[in-house]
Amino acid sequence: MFMMFARFDFKSADLDAEDANYFDNHVRLARQLPGVRMYLTGKLVQAAASKPDRYRAVVFGYDNAQQGLTSLDCPIGAELMADSAEHIVDTVVDAAEVEVIRPFDDRRSGDSCLVVALLYNMGAPADEGRRRSYQNSIRNLPGLCGYMAGHTCEARGLRPDRDRMELRIFHPGALSGKSWPDLIALDSTIMRAPRIYCLEGEVQV
């Protein structure tokens, strides 16, 4: 599966008006992009080592990179890009070819979710066994409903500055009696220079 994780700000300081336009126009158009298998939207939140560098973020999922990288090459894509040019600024996109470790199959449009996005460099190749063990521990976290991880790749002319990307999707109740660091659950023995993003999200597709 091919995943894209994008972060952005709005041009206007009137966030209520921008949010209204975003859902009325931008999200409506993005839902119609060809090939979109999964689409999550939400606001970035501060949690432990995670300090938001943008206001909003989105997660897109496609069957393959070809579909993901060409999804905007259509009339709907042109409308979406025009809306972005008018309202959105400072977009950063990270992408990866991922292994679906736990599919997010029970999602429904309008559902709330929590997303942890990790970008990091792997340690030495000898860490591969450790990484697999770590992934098995993550897939058993209470409240986890989706988990994807893989090697990053160039997306729309942006070269990755980290080797790997992980996306973990939780039911909102996963924070009951817990905190964001419990969901982040870093393993510093295999993760070098991690960047952490936490998102209070909503399922669109």
N, C-alpha and C. Protein backbone atom coordinates (compact mmCIF):
# COMPACT_ATOMS: atom_id res chain seq x y z
N MET A 1 0.85 -1.19 0.00
CA MET A 1 0.00 0.00 0.00
C MET A 1 0.89 1.24 0.00
N PHE A 2 0.41 2.30 -0.60
CA PHE A 2 1.16 3.56 -0.67
C PHE A 2 0.45 4.58 0.20
N MET A 3 1.17 5.15 1.17
CA MET A 3 0.59 6.09 2.12
C MET A 3 1.26 7.45 1.99
N MET A 4 0.46 8.49 2.10
CA MET A 4 0.96 9.86 2.12
C MET A 4 0.46 10.55 3.39
N PHE A 5 1.38 11.22 4.06
CA PHE A 5 1.07 11.97 5.28
C PHE A 5 1.47 13.42 5.03
N ALA A 6 0.48 14.31 4.99
CA ALA A 6 0.74 15.71 4.66
C ALA A 6 0.32 16.61 5.82
N ARG A 7 1.10 17.67 6.04
CA ARG A 7 0.82 18.65 7.07
C ARG A 7 0.79 20.03 6.43
N PHE A 8 -0.07 20.91 6.94
CA PHE A 8 -0.20 22.22 6.30
C PHE A 8 -0.82 23.24 7.26
N ASP A 9 -0.71 24.49 6.88
CA ASP A 9 -1.37 25.61 7.56
C ASP A 9 -2.37 26.25 6.60
N PHE A 10 -3.24 27.06 7.16
CA PHE A 10 -4.13 27.89 6.36
C PHE A 10 -3.50 29.26 6.16
N LYS A 11 -3.84 29.91 5.05
CA LYS A 11 -3.30 31.24 4.79
C LYS A 11 -3.89 32.29 5.73
N SER A 12 -5.19 32.18 5.99
CA SER A 12 -5.87 33.17 6.82
C SER A 12 -5.74 32.83 8.30
N ALA A 13 -5.74 33.87 9.13
CA ALA A 13 -5.73 33.66 10.58
C ALA A 13 -7.12 33.34 11.11
N ASP A 14 -8.15 33.47 10.26
CA ASP A 14 -9.52 33.15 10.66
C ASP A 14 -9.71 31.64 10.50
N LEU A 15 -9.30 30.88 11.51
CA LEU A 15 -9.29 29.43 11.40
C LEU A 15 -10.69 28.84 11.32
N ASP A 16 -11.67 29.49 11.95
CA ASP A 16 -13.04 28.98 11.87
C ASP A 16 -13.55 29.03 10.43
N ALA A 17 -13.29 30.15 9.76
CA ALA A 17 -13.72 30.29 8.37
C ALA A 17 -12.95 29.33 7.47
N GLU A 18 -11.66 29.18 7.72
CA GLU A 18 -10.86 28.28 6.91
C GLU A 18 -11.28 26.83 7.11
N ASP A 19 -11.57 26.44 8.35
CA ASP A 19 -12.03 25.08 8.62
C ASP A 19 -13.36 24.82 7.90
N ALA A 20 -14.26 25.81 7.91
CA ALA A 20 -15.55 25.64 7.25
C ALA A 20 -15.35 25.43 5.75
N ASN A 21 -14.49 26.24 5.14
CA ASN A 21 -14.22 26.07 3.70
C ASN A 21 -13.54 24.74 3.44
N TYR A 22 -12.67 24.36 4.34
CA TYR A 22 -11.92 23.11 4.16
C TYR A 22 -12.86 21.92 4.06
N PHE A 23 -13.84 21.84 4.95
CA PHE A 23 -14.75 20.70 4.92
C PHE A 23 -15.80 20.83 3.82
N ASP A 24 -16.23 22.06 3.54
CA ASP A 24 -17.24 22.25 2.51
C ASP A 24 -16.69 22.01 1.11
N ASN A 25 -15.44 22.36 0.89
CA ASN A 25 -14.87 22.30 -0.46
C ASN A 25 -13.71 21.32 -0.59
N HIS A 26 -12.66 21.55 0.19
CA HIS A 26 -11.45 20.76 0.01
C HIS A 26 -11.68 19.28 0.28
N VAL A 27 -12.26 18.96 1.42
CA VAL A 27 -12.49 17.55 1.77
C VAL A 27 -13.49 16.92 0.80
N ARG A 28 -14.51 17.67 0.42
CA ARG A 28 -15.50 17.16 -0.54
C ARG A 28 -14.82 16.74 -1.84
N LEU A 29 -13.88 17.56 -2.32
CA LEU A 29 -13.18 17.23 -3.56
C LEU A 29 -12.21 16.07 -3.37
N ALA A 30 -11.47 16.09 -2.25
CA ALA A 30 -10.46 15.05 -2.02
C ALA A 30 -11.09 13.67 -1.93
N ARG A 31 -12.30 13.59 -1.40
CA ARG A 31 -12.99 12.30 -1.34
C ARG A 31 -13.22 11.70 -2.73
N GLN A 32 -13.26 12.55 -3.74
CA GLN A 32 -13.57 12.10 -5.09
C GLN A 32 -12.33 11.79 -5.93
N LEU A 33 -11.15 11.98 -5.37
CA LEU A 33 -9.94 11.70 -6.13
C LEU A 33 -9.89 10.22 -6.52
N PRO A 34 -9.47 9.94 -7.74
CA PRO A 34 -9.42 8.53 -8.18
C PRO A 34 -8.38 7.73 -7.39
N GLY A 35 -8.75 6.52 -7.02
CA GLY A 35 -7.80 5.61 -6.39
C GLY A 35 -7.67 5.73 -4.89
N VAL A 36 -8.34 6.69 -4.26
CA VAL A 36 -8.19 6.86 -2.81
C VAL A 36 -8.85 5.70 -2.08
N ARG A 37 -8.06 4.98 -1.30
CA ARG A 37 -8.58 3.86 -0.51
C ARG A 37 -8.86 4.27 0.93
N MET A 38 -8.08 5.23 1.43
CA MET A 38 -8.26 5.70 2.80
C MET A 38 -7.93 7.18 2.84
N TYR A 39 -8.71 7.93 3.63
CA TYR A 39 -8.51 9.37 3.73
C TYR A 39 -8.93 9.79 5.14
N LEU A 40 -7.94 10.27 5.91
CA LEU A 40 -8.17 10.73 7.28
C LEU A 40 -7.76 12.19 7.37
N THR A 41 -8.53 12.99 8.08
CA THR A 41 -8.19 14.38 8.29
C THR A 41 -8.15 14.67 9.78
N GLY A 42 -7.48 15.75 10.18
CA GLY A 42 -7.50 16.10 11.59
C GLY A 42 -6.54 17.22 11.94
N LYS A 43 -6.58 17.61 13.20
CA LYS A 43 -5.69 18.64 13.72
C LYS A 43 -4.54 18.00 14.48
N LEU A 44 -3.36 18.54 14.28
CA LEU A 44 -2.19 18.08 15.02
C LEU A 44 -2.26 18.59 16.45
N VAL A 45 -1.84 17.76 17.38
CA VAL A 45 -1.88 18.12 18.80
C VAL A 45 -0.50 17.92 19.41
N GLN A 46 -0.23 18.67 20.48
CA GLN A 46 1.03 18.51 21.19
C GLN A 46 0.89 17.38 22.20
N ALA A 47 1.86 16.48 22.18
CA ALA A 47 1.84 15.34 23.10
C ALA A 47 3.26 14.89 23.36
N ALA A 48 3.73 15.12 24.59
CA ALA A 48 5.08 14.71 24.97
C ALA A 48 6.10 15.31 23.99
N ALA A 49 6.84 14.44 23.29
CA ALA A 49 7.88 14.91 22.37
C ALA A 49 7.31 15.38 21.04
N SER A 50 6.00 15.28 20.85
CA SER A 50 5.36 15.67 19.61
C SER A 50 4.90 17.12 19.70
N LYS A 51 5.58 18.01 18.96
CA LYS A 51 5.19 19.41 18.92
C LYS A 51 4.75 19.74 17.50
N PRO A 52 3.49 20.12 17.30
CA PRO A 52 3.00 20.36 15.94
C PRO A 52 3.80 21.42 15.21
N ASP A 53 4.14 21.14 13.96
CA ASP A 53 4.80 22.14 13.13
C ASP A 53 3.83 22.75 12.12
N ARG A 54 2.58 22.24 12.10
CA ARG A 54 1.53 22.76 11.24
C ARG A 54 0.20 22.66 12.00
N TYR A 55 -0.85 23.22 11.43
CA TYR A 55 -2.16 23.23 12.08
C TYR A 55 -2.93 21.94 11.81
N ARG A 56 -2.95 21.50 10.56
CA ARG A 56 -3.72 20.31 10.18
C ARG A 56 -2.83 19.28 9.49
N ALA A 57 -3.38 18.06 9.42
CA ALA A 57 -2.67 17.00 8.71
C ALA A 57 -3.70 16.07 8.07
N VAL A 58 -3.27 15.34 7.05
CA VAL A 58 -4.12 14.35 6.38
C VAL A 58 -3.31 13.09 6.13
N VAL A 59 -4.03 11.98 6.04
CA VAL A 59 -3.44 10.70 5.65
C VAL A 59 -4.22 10.19 4.45
N PHE A 60 -3.50 9.91 3.36
CA PHE A 60 -4.10 9.30 2.17
C PHE A 60 -3.51 7.91 1.98
N GLY A 61 -4.36 6.97 1.59
CA GLY A 61 -3.90 5.62 1.28
C GLY A 61 -4.36 5.20 -0.11
N TYR A 62 -3.43 4.58 -0.86
CA TYR A 62 -3.70 4.10 -2.22
C TYR A 62 -3.18 2.67 -2.35
N ASP A 63 -3.66 1.98 -3.36
CA ASP A 63 -3.17 0.62 -3.59
C ASP A 63 -1.69 0.60 -3.94
N ASN A 64 -1.22 1.61 -4.68
CA ASN A 64 0.18 1.64 -5.12
C ASN A 64 0.62 3.08 -5.35
N ALA A 65 1.94 3.26 -5.54
CA ALA A 65 2.52 4.59 -5.69
C ALA A 65 2.02 5.29 -6.95
N GLN A 66 1.86 4.54 -8.02
CA GLN A 66 1.39 5.13 -9.27
C GLN A 66 0.05 5.83 -9.08
N GLN A 67 -0.87 5.17 -8.39
CA GLN A 67 -2.17 5.79 -8.14
C GLN A 67 -2.04 7.02 -7.25
N GLY A 68 -1.21 6.91 -6.23
CA GLY A 68 -1.06 8.02 -5.31
C GLY A 68 -0.43 9.25 -5.94
N LEU A 69 0.59 9.04 -6.74
CA LEU A 69 1.34 10.15 -7.30
C LEU A 69 0.67 10.78 -8.51
N THR A 70 -0.35 10.12 -9.06
CA THR A 70 -1.05 10.68 -10.23
C THR A 70 -2.50 11.03 -9.92
N SER A 71 -2.92 10.91 -8.68
CA SER A 71 -4.33 11.11 -8.34
C SER A 71 -4.81 12.53 -8.61
N LEU A 72 -3.89 13.49 -8.62
CA LEU A 72 -4.28 14.88 -8.87
C LEU A 72 -4.36 15.21 -10.36
N ASP A 73 -3.97 14.28 -11.21
CA ASP A 73 -3.94 14.53 -12.65
C ASP A 73 -5.30 14.27 -13.27
N CYS A 74 -6.29 15.03 -12.83
CA CYS A 74 -7.66 14.87 -13.32
C CYS A 74 -8.40 16.17 -13.02
N PRO A 75 -9.60 16.36 -13.57
CA PRO A 75 -10.35 17.60 -13.30
C PRO A 75 -10.61 17.86 -11.82
N ILE A 76 -10.96 16.81 -11.05
CA ILE A 76 -11.17 16.98 -9.61
C ILE A 76 -9.87 17.43 -8.95
N GLY A 77 -8.76 16.82 -9.38
CA GLY A 77 -7.46 17.21 -8.84
C GLY A 77 -7.13 18.66 -9.11
N ALA A 78 -7.49 19.14 -10.30
CA ALA A 78 -7.24 20.53 -10.65
C ALA A 78 -8.05 21.47 -9.74
N GLU A 79 -9.31 21.11 -9.48
CA GLU A 79 -10.13 21.91 -8.57
C GLU A 79 -9.53 21.91 -7.17
N LEU A 80 -9.06 20.75 -6.74
CA LEU A 80 -8.48 20.63 -5.41
C LEU A 80 -7.22 21.49 -5.29
N MET A 81 -6.38 21.46 -6.30
CA MET A 81 -5.16 22.25 -6.27
C MET A 81 -5.47 23.75 -6.28
N ALA A 82 -6.53 24.14 -6.99
CA ALA A 82 -6.92 25.55 -7.01
C ALA A 82 -7.38 25.99 -5.62
N ASP A 83 -8.14 25.14 -4.94
CA ASP A 83 -8.57 25.45 -3.58
C ASP A 83 -7.37 25.53 -2.65
N SER A 84 -6.41 24.62 -2.84
CA SER A 84 -5.19 24.65 -2.02
C SER A 84 -4.43 25.95 -2.22
N ALA A 85 -4.31 26.38 -3.48
CA ALA A 85 -3.57 27.60 -3.78
C ALA A 85 -4.21 28.82 -3.12
N GLU A 86 -5.52 28.78 -2.96
CA GLU A 86 -6.23 29.92 -2.39
C GLU A 86 -6.21 29.91 -0.87
N HIS A 87 -6.19 28.72 -0.26
CA HIS A 87 -6.39 28.65 1.19
C HIS A 87 -5.26 28.01 1.98
N ILE A 88 -4.40 27.22 1.36
CA ILE A 88 -3.44 26.40 2.10
C ILE A 88 -2.02 26.83 1.80
N VAL A 89 -1.15 26.74 2.83
CA VAL A 89 0.24 27.17 2.68
C VAL A 89 1.16 26.24 3.48
N ASP A 90 2.42 26.22 3.09
CA ASP A 90 3.48 25.50 3.82
C ASP A 90 3.18 24.01 3.97
N THR A 91 2.74 23.39 2.88
CA THR A 91 2.45 21.96 2.91
C THR A 91 3.73 21.14 2.88
N VAL A 92 3.80 20.13 3.72
CA VAL A 92 4.90 19.17 3.75
C VAL A 92 4.31 17.78 3.57
N VAL A 93 4.86 17.01 2.63
CA VAL A 93 4.33 15.69 2.32
C VAL A 93 5.41 14.64 2.55
N ASP A 94 5.07 13.60 3.31
CA ASP A 94 5.92 12.42 3.44
C ASP A 94 5.15 11.23 2.90
N ALA A 95 5.86 10.32 2.23
CA ALA A 95 5.20 9.17 1.61
C ALA A 95 6.02 7.92 1.84
N ALA A 96 5.35 6.77 1.76
CA ALA A 96 6.03 5.49 1.98
C ALA A 96 5.26 4.36 1.32
N GLU A 97 6.02 3.39 0.83
CA GLU A 97 5.46 2.11 0.42
C GLU A 97 5.42 1.25 1.68
N VAL A 98 4.23 0.90 2.14
CA VAL A 98 4.11 0.31 3.47
C VAL A 98 3.60 -1.12 3.43
N GLU A 99 3.97 -1.84 4.47
CA GLU A 99 3.35 -3.12 4.78
C GLU A 99 2.18 -2.85 5.71
N VAL A 100 1.03 -3.41 5.40
CA VAL A 100 -0.14 -3.25 6.26
C VAL A 100 -0.07 -4.34 7.34
N ILE A 101 0.36 -3.95 8.50
CA ILE A 101 0.54 -4.88 9.60
C ILE A 101 -0.79 -5.17 10.28
N ARG A 102 -1.62 -4.15 10.37
CA ARG A 102 -2.99 -4.33 10.86
C ARG A 102 -3.89 -3.44 10.02
N PRO A 103 -4.75 -4.02 9.19
CA PRO A 103 -5.61 -3.21 8.32
C PRO A 103 -6.67 -2.46 9.10
N PHE A 104 -6.93 -1.24 8.66
CA PHE A 104 -7.96 -0.41 9.28
C PHE A 104 -9.28 -0.66 8.53
N ASP A 105 -9.80 -1.86 8.67
CA ASP A 105 -10.94 -2.29 7.88
C ASP A 105 -12.28 -1.89 8.47
N ASP A 106 -12.32 -1.60 9.77
CA ASP A 106 -13.62 -1.32 10.39
C ASP A 106 -13.95 0.16 10.40
N ARG A 107 -13.25 0.96 9.60
CA ARG A 107 -13.50 2.39 9.58
C ARG A 107 -14.79 2.72 8.83
N ARG A 108 -15.43 3.80 9.26
CA ARG A 108 -16.61 4.32 8.59
C ARG A 108 -16.47 5.83 8.51
N SER A 109 -16.94 6.40 7.41
CA SER A 109 -16.86 7.85 7.24
C SER A 109 -17.54 8.55 8.41
N GLY A 110 -16.84 9.54 8.97
CA GLY A 110 -17.35 10.28 10.12
C GLY A 110 -16.85 9.77 11.45
N ASP A 111 -16.25 8.59 11.49
CA ASP A 111 -15.69 8.06 12.73
C ASP A 111 -14.51 8.92 13.20
N SER A 112 -14.40 9.09 14.49
CA SER A 112 -13.22 9.74 15.07
C SER A 112 -12.11 8.72 15.24
N CYS A 113 -10.89 9.19 15.21
CA CYS A 113 -9.73 8.31 15.42
C CYS A 113 -8.56 9.13 15.93
N LEU A 114 -7.58 8.45 16.44
CA LEU A 114 -6.31 9.06 16.84
C LEU A 114 -5.22 8.48 15.96
N VAL A 115 -4.32 9.33 15.50
CA VAL A 115 -3.25 8.88 14.60
C VAL A 115 -1.90 9.28 15.17
N VAL A 116 -0.98 8.34 15.20
CA VAL A 116 0.43 8.62 15.51
C VAL A 116 1.22 8.34 14.24
N ALA A 117 1.90 9.37 13.75
CA ALA A 117 2.77 9.23 12.58
C ALA A 117 4.22 9.37 13.03
N LEU A 118 5.04 8.39 12.70
CA LEU A 118 6.46 8.40 13.06
C LEU A 118 7.31 8.37 11.81
N LEU A 119 8.31 9.21 11.77
CA LEU A 119 9.31 9.22 10.71
C LEU A 119 10.67 9.09 11.38
N TYR A 120 11.46 8.12 10.96
CA TYR A 120 12.72 7.88 11.66
C TYR A 120 13.71 7.17 10.74
N ASN A 121 14.96 7.15 11.17
CA ASN A 121 16.00 6.38 10.50
C ASN A 121 16.20 5.07 11.24
N MET A 122 16.40 4.02 10.47
CA MET A 122 16.69 2.72 11.07
C MET A 122 18.14 2.65 11.52
N GLY A 123 18.38 1.81 12.53
CA GLY A 123 19.74 1.55 12.94
C GLY A 123 20.43 0.60 11.97
N ALA A 124 21.40 -0.14 12.42
CA ALA A 124 22.13 -1.07 11.58
C ALA A 124 21.21 -2.19 11.08
N PRO A 125 21.55 -2.86 9.95
CA PRO A 125 20.72 -3.96 9.46
C PRO A 125 20.46 -5.04 10.50
N ALA A 126 21.35 -5.17 11.45
CA ALA A 126 21.17 -6.18 12.49
C ALA A 126 19.95 -5.91 13.35
N ASP A 127 19.40 -4.68 13.24
CA ASP A 127 18.23 -4.33 14.03
C ASP A 127 16.93 -4.86 13.43
N GLU A 128 16.98 -5.53 12.28
CA GLU A 128 15.76 -5.98 11.62
C GLU A 128 14.93 -6.91 12.51
N GLY A 129 15.58 -7.86 13.17
CA GLY A 129 14.85 -8.76 14.05
C GLY A 129 14.21 -8.00 15.20
N ARG A 130 14.95 -7.06 15.74
CA ARG A 130 14.42 -6.24 16.82
C ARG A 130 13.22 -5.43 16.34
N ARG A 131 13.29 -4.92 15.10
CA ARG A 131 12.19 -4.14 14.55
C ARG A 131 10.92 -4.98 14.44
N ARG A 132 11.07 -6.23 13.99
CA ARG A 132 9.91 -7.10 13.86
C ARG A 132 9.28 -7.39 15.23
N SER A 133 10.13 -7.61 16.21
CA SER A 133 9.63 -7.84 17.56
C SER A 133 8.88 -6.61 18.08
N TYR A 134 9.45 -5.45 17.78
CA TYR A 134 8.83 -4.19 18.19
C TYR A 134 7.47 -4.02 17.52
N GLN A 135 7.39 -4.31 16.22
CA GLN A 135 6.12 -4.18 15.51
C GLN A 135 5.06 -5.11 16.09
N ASN A 136 5.46 -6.30 16.48
CA ASN A 136 4.51 -7.22 17.09
C ASN A 136 3.97 -6.68 18.41
N SER A 137 4.83 -5.98 19.15
CA SER A 137 4.37 -5.39 20.41
C SER A 137 3.40 -4.25 20.15
N ILE A 138 3.64 -3.46 19.09
CA ILE A 138 2.76 -2.34 18.77
C ILE A 138 1.40 -2.85 18.31
N ARG A 139 1.37 -3.90 17.51
CA ARG A 139 0.10 -4.38 16.96
C ARG A 139 -0.83 -4.90 18.04
N ASN A 140 -0.28 -5.15 19.24
CA ASN A 140 -1.09 -5.63 20.36
C ASN A 140 -1.48 -4.53 21.34
N LEU A 141 -1.17 -3.27 21.01
CA LEU A 141 -1.56 -2.18 21.89
C LEU A 141 -3.08 -2.08 21.97
N PRO A 142 -3.64 -1.89 23.15
CA PRO A 142 -5.09 -1.75 23.27
C PRO A 142 -5.60 -0.56 22.46
N GLY A 143 -6.68 -0.78 21.73
CA GLY A 143 -7.29 0.30 20.97
C GLY A 143 -6.73 0.50 19.58
N LEU A 144 -5.66 -0.23 19.23
CA LEU A 144 -5.09 -0.08 17.90
C LEU A 144 -6.03 -0.69 16.87
N CYS A 145 -6.35 0.06 15.81
CA CYS A 145 -7.25 -0.46 14.78
C CYS A 145 -6.64 -0.41 13.38
N GLY A 146 -5.45 0.18 13.25
CA GLY A 146 -4.75 0.20 11.97
C GLY A 146 -3.28 0.46 12.19
N TYR A 147 -2.42 -0.23 11.42
CA TYR A 147 -0.97 -0.10 11.62
C TYR A 147 -0.26 -0.40 10.31
N MET A 148 0.47 0.58 9.80
CA MET A 148 1.21 0.46 8.55
C MET A 148 2.63 0.98 8.75
N ALA A 149 3.60 0.35 8.11
CA ALA A 149 4.99 0.78 8.25
C ALA A 149 5.76 0.40 7.00
N GLY A 150 6.71 1.26 6.61
CA GLY A 150 7.51 0.93 5.44
C GLY A 150 8.55 1.99 5.13
N HIS A 151 9.27 1.77 4.03
CA HIS A 151 10.34 2.68 3.61
C HIS A 151 9.75 3.92 2.95
N THR A 152 10.30 5.06 3.30
CA THR A 152 9.85 6.31 2.71
C THR A 152 10.34 6.43 1.27
N CYS A 153 9.68 7.30 0.53
CA CYS A 153 10.05 7.52 -0.88
C CYS A 153 9.73 8.96 -1.26
N GLU A 154 10.26 9.38 -2.39
CA GLU A 154 10.01 10.73 -2.88
C GLU A 154 8.54 10.89 -3.23
N ALA A 155 7.99 12.06 -2.92
CA ALA A 155 6.59 12.35 -3.23
C ALA A 155 6.46 13.76 -3.75
N ARG A 156 6.02 13.88 -5.00
CA ARG A 156 5.78 15.19 -5.61
C ARG A 156 6.98 16.11 -5.50
N GLY A 157 8.15 15.54 -5.78
CA GLY A 157 9.38 16.32 -5.81
C GLY A 157 10.03 16.52 -4.46
N LEU A 158 9.42 16.02 -3.39
CA LEU A 158 9.98 16.17 -2.05
C LEU A 158 10.71 14.89 -1.66
N ARG A 159 12.01 15.01 -1.41
CA ARG A 159 12.82 13.86 -1.03
C ARG A 159 12.71 13.63 0.48
N PRO A 160 12.57 12.39 0.92
CA PRO A 160 12.42 12.12 2.35
C PRO A 160 13.71 12.39 3.11
N ASP A 161 13.57 12.83 4.37
CA ASP A 161 14.75 13.04 5.21
C ASP A 161 14.83 11.98 6.31
N ARG A 162 13.95 10.98 6.24
CA ARG A 162 14.00 9.84 7.14
C ARG A 162 13.80 8.56 6.33
N ASP A 163 14.28 7.43 6.85
CA ASP A 163 14.24 6.16 6.12
C ASP A 163 12.87 5.49 6.14
N ARG A 164 12.16 5.64 7.27
CA ARG A 164 10.94 4.86 7.45
C ARG A 164 9.80 5.72 7.98
N MET A 165 8.59 5.27 7.68
CA MET A 165 7.39 5.91 8.20
C MET A 165 6.48 4.85 8.81
N GLU A 166 5.90 5.18 9.95
CA GLU A 166 4.89 4.33 10.58
C GLU A 166 3.64 5.16 10.80
N LEU A 167 2.50 4.55 10.56
CA LEU A 167 1.22 5.15 10.87
C LEU A 167 0.44 4.21 11.77
N ARG A 168 0.05 4.69 12.92
CA ARG A 168 -0.74 3.91 13.87
C ARG A 168 -2.06 4.62 14.08
N ILE A 169 -3.14 3.88 13.94
CA ILE A 169 -4.47 4.46 14.05
C ILE A 169 -5.18 3.78 15.22
N PHE A 170 -5.72 4.61 16.11
CA PHE A 170 -6.35 4.09 17.32
C PHE A 170 -7.80 4.57 17.41
N HIS A 171 -8.62 3.76 18.08
CA HIS A 171 -9.95 4.23 18.47
C HIS A 171 -9.76 5.34 19.51
N PRO A 172 -10.67 6.33 19.55
CA PRO A 172 -10.53 7.43 20.52
C PRO A 172 -10.41 6.95 21.96
N GLY A 173 -11.05 5.83 22.27
CA GLY A 173 -11.00 5.30 23.63
C GLY A 173 -9.65 4.79 24.05
N ALA A 174 -8.70 4.73 23.12
CA ALA A 174 -7.35 4.24 23.46
C ALA A 174 -6.67 5.13 24.49
N LEU A 175 -7.11 6.37 24.61
CA LEU A 175 -6.51 7.29 25.59
C LEU A 175 -7.18 7.20 26.96
N SER A 176 -8.18 6.34 27.08
CA SER A 176 -8.84 6.18 28.37
C SER A 176 -7.87 5.54 29.37
N GLY A 177 -7.50 6.30 30.37
CA GLY A 177 -6.57 5.80 31.36
C GLY A 177 -5.13 5.76 30.89
N LYS A 178 -4.88 6.29 29.69
CA LYS A 178 -3.52 6.31 29.14
C LYS A 178 -3.19 7.71 28.66
N SER A 179 -2.00 7.87 28.09
CA SER A 179 -1.58 9.15 27.55
C SER A 179 -0.97 8.93 26.17
N TRP A 180 -0.76 10.02 25.44
CA TRP A 180 -0.17 9.91 24.11
C TRP A 180 1.17 9.17 24.12
N PRO A 181 2.06 9.38 25.10
CA PRO A 181 3.31 8.62 25.09
C PRO A 181 3.11 7.11 25.09
N ASP A 182 2.00 6.63 25.68
CA ASP A 182 1.71 5.19 25.65
C ASP A 182 1.44 4.72 24.23
N LEU A 183 0.81 5.58 23.41
CA LEU A 183 0.51 5.23 22.03
C LEU A 183 1.74 5.40 21.14
N ILE A 184 2.59 6.34 21.48
CA ILE A 184 3.81 6.58 20.70
C ILE A 184 4.80 5.43 20.89
N ALA A 185 5.04 5.06 22.14
CA ALA A 185 5.83 3.87 22.49
C ALA A 185 7.10 3.72 21.64
N LEU A 186 7.98 4.69 21.74
CA LEU A 186 9.23 4.65 20.96
C LEU A 186 10.18 3.58 21.46
N ASP A 187 10.95 3.03 20.55
CA ASP A 187 12.06 2.13 20.89
C ASP A 187 13.33 2.77 20.35
N SER A 188 14.07 3.43 21.21
CA SER A 188 15.25 4.18 20.78
C SER A 188 16.39 3.28 20.29
N THR A 189 16.28 1.96 20.54
CA THR A 189 17.34 1.06 20.08
C THR A 189 17.27 0.82 18.58
N ILE A 190 16.11 1.05 17.98
CA ILE A 190 16.00 0.84 16.53
C ILE A 190 15.61 2.10 15.78
N MET A 191 15.18 3.13 16.50
CA MET A 191 14.74 4.37 15.86
C MET A 191 15.75 5.47 16.09
N ARG A 192 16.27 6.01 15.00
CA ARG A 192 17.23 7.11 15.09
C ARG A 192 16.55 8.40 14.61
N ALA A 193 16.75 9.48 15.35
CA ALA A 193 16.25 10.81 14.99
C ALA A 193 14.76 10.79 14.63
N PRO A 194 13.90 10.28 15.52
CA PRO A 194 12.47 10.20 15.19
C PRO A 194 11.80 11.56 15.17
N ARG A 195 10.88 11.72 14.26
CA ARG A 195 9.95 12.84 14.26
C ARG A 195 8.56 12.27 14.53
N ILE A 196 7.85 12.89 15.46
CA ILE A 196 6.59 12.34 15.97
C ILE A 196 5.47 13.34 15.73
N TYR A 197 4.36 12.85 15.19
CA TYR A 197 3.18 13.69 14.97
C TYR A 197 1.95 12.97 15.51
N CYS A 198 1.15 13.70 16.29
CA CYS A 198 -0.08 13.14 16.85
C CYS A 198 -1.26 13.93 16.29
N LEU A 199 -2.28 13.19 15.93
CA LEU A 199 -3.39 13.78 15.19
C LEU A 199 -4.72 13.30 15.77
N GLU A 200 -5.58 14.24 16.10
CA GLU A 200 -6.96 13.93 16.46
C GLU A 200 -7.77 13.97 15.18
N GLY A 201 -8.12 12.79 14.67
CA GLY A 201 -8.59 12.71 13.30
C GLY A 201 -10.03 12.29 13.14
N GLU A 202 -10.43 12.29 11.86
CA GLU A 202 -11.76 11.87 11.46
C GLU A 202 -11.63 11.11 10.14
N VAL A 203 -12.34 10.00 10.04
CA VAL A 203 -12.34 9.21 8.81
C VAL A 203 -13.21 9.89 7.76
N GLN A 204 -12.63 10.09 6.57
CA GLN A 204 -13.38 10.62 5.43
C GLN A 204 -13.69 9.52 4.42
N VAL A 205 -12.73 8.63 4.21
CA VAL A 205 -12.91 7.49 3.29
C VAL A 205 -12.33 6.26 3.98
